């Protein structure tokens, strides 16, 4: 996929993951980054486990990127620490 396609898929997946996971959010740029990294994680896992190849901007690519983004957000929240109130 081209860089522009990764950015578009990342934007969509990051935005959807922000809605699904609810919380403070990462802003527009943060959602794009989380979406792109999530797309890479999801693409790697999909190709390794299910032998799926990501090509172009389509529903399968967006769903895999969304799942990767959700996993990434969950890991960031789990290991990120964040602010805690007593």
Protein backbone atom coordinates (compact mmCIF):
# COMPACT_ATOMS: atom_id res chain seq x y z
CA UNK A 1 0.00 0.00 0.00
CA UNK A 2 1.13 3.54 -0.61
CA UNK A 3 1.93 5.99 2.17
CA UNK A 4 -1.25 7.96 1.43
CA UNK A 5 -3.35 4.79 1.72
CA UNK A 6 -1.71 3.94 5.08
CA UNK A 7 -2.47 7.45 6.34
CA UNK A 8 -6.11 7.25 5.21
CA UNK A 9 -6.60 3.77 6.68
CA UNK A 10 -4.78 4.87 9.85
CA UNK A 11 -7.00 7.93 10.20
CA UNK A 12 -10.16 5.89 9.81
CA UNK A 13 -8.98 3.07 12.08
CA UNK A 14 -7.63 5.44 14.74
CA UNK A 15 -10.84 7.46 14.76
CA UNK A 16 -12.99 4.32 15.01
CA UNK A 17 -10.74 2.84 17.72
CA UNK A 18 -11.04 6.09 19.70
CA UNK A 19 -14.82 5.78 19.55
CA UNK A 20 -14.84 2.07 20.43
CA UNK A 21 -12.33 2.32 23.28
CA UNK A 22 -13.71 5.59 24.72
CA UNK A 23 -11.51 7.66 26.94
CA UNK A 24 -9.36 10.77 26.86
CA UNK A 25 -8.31 10.23 23.26
CA UNK A 26 -5.10 11.21 21.54
CA UNK A 27 -6.30 14.02 19.27
CA UNK A 28 -6.34 13.96 15.47
CA UNK A 29 -2.60 13.44 14.96
CA UNK A 30 -2.41 10.94 17.81
CA UNK A 31 -5.32 8.97 16.34
CA UNK A 32 -3.57 8.87 12.96
CA UNK A 33 -0.37 7.59 14.57
CA UNK A 34 -2.26 5.03 16.68
CA UNK A 35 -4.20 3.98 13.57
CA UNK A 36 -1.09 3.57 11.42
CA UNK A 37 0.79 1.64 14.10
CA UNK A 38 -2.36 -0.37 14.78
CA UNK A 39 -2.66 -1.11 11.07
CA UNK A 40 0.91 -2.38 11.07
CA UNK A 41 0.24 -4.55 14.14
CA UNK A 42 -3.04 -5.84 12.71
CA UNK A 43 -1.49 -6.43 9.30
CA UNK A 44 1.42 -8.35 10.79
CA UNK A 45 -0.87 -10.50 12.93
CA UNK A 46 -3.32 -11.12 10.08
CA UNK A 47 -0.57 -12.16 7.69
CA UNK A 48 1.19 -14.32 10.29
CA UNK A 49 -1.88 -16.05 11.70
CA UNK A 50 -4.40 -16.09 8.85
CA UNK A 51 -2.26 -15.59 5.73
CA UNK A 52 -4.21 -12.43 4.78
CA UNK A 53 -2.59 -9.81 2.55
CA UNK A 54 -3.57 -6.14 2.95
CA UNK A 55 -4.03 -4.30 -0.33
CA UNK A 56 -5.66 -0.94 -0.90
CA UNK A 57 -8.35 0.80 1.08
CA UNK A 58 -11.19 -1.62 1.63
CA UNK A 59 -13.36 -2.94 4.44
CA UNK A 60 -11.02 -5.83 5.29
CA UNK A 61 -8.01 -3.52 5.59
CA UNK A 62 -9.91 -1.06 7.76
CA UNK A 63 -11.25 -3.82 10.05
CA UNK A 64 -7.80 -5.34 10.50
CA UNK A 65 -6.33 -1.89 11.18
CA UNK A 66 -9.17 -1.19 13.63
CA UNK A 67 -8.48 -4.40 15.55
CA UNK A 68 -4.77 -3.60 15.63
CA UNK A 69 -5.54 -0.07 16.86
CA UNK A 70 -7.80 -1.40 19.60
CA UNK A 71 -5.06 -3.77 20.74
CA UNK A 72 -2.54 -0.91 20.70
CA UNK A 73 -4.81 1.41 22.72
CA UNK A 74 -5.45 -1.36 25.25
CA UNK A 75 -1.70 -1.94 25.61
CA UNK A 76 -1.02 1.79 25.93
CA UNK A 77 -3.60 2.06 28.67
CA UNK A 78 -2.34 -1.06 30.42
CA UNK A 79 1.35 -0.10 30.41
CA UNK A 80 1.11 3.67 29.97
CA UNK A 81 0.61 4.47 33.62
CA UNK A 82 -1.34 7.66 33.14
CA UNK A 83 -2.61 9.88 35.93
CA UNK A 84 -4.20 8.34 38.94
CA UNK A 85 -6.18 10.12 41.58
CA UNK A 86 -6.34 9.04 45.19
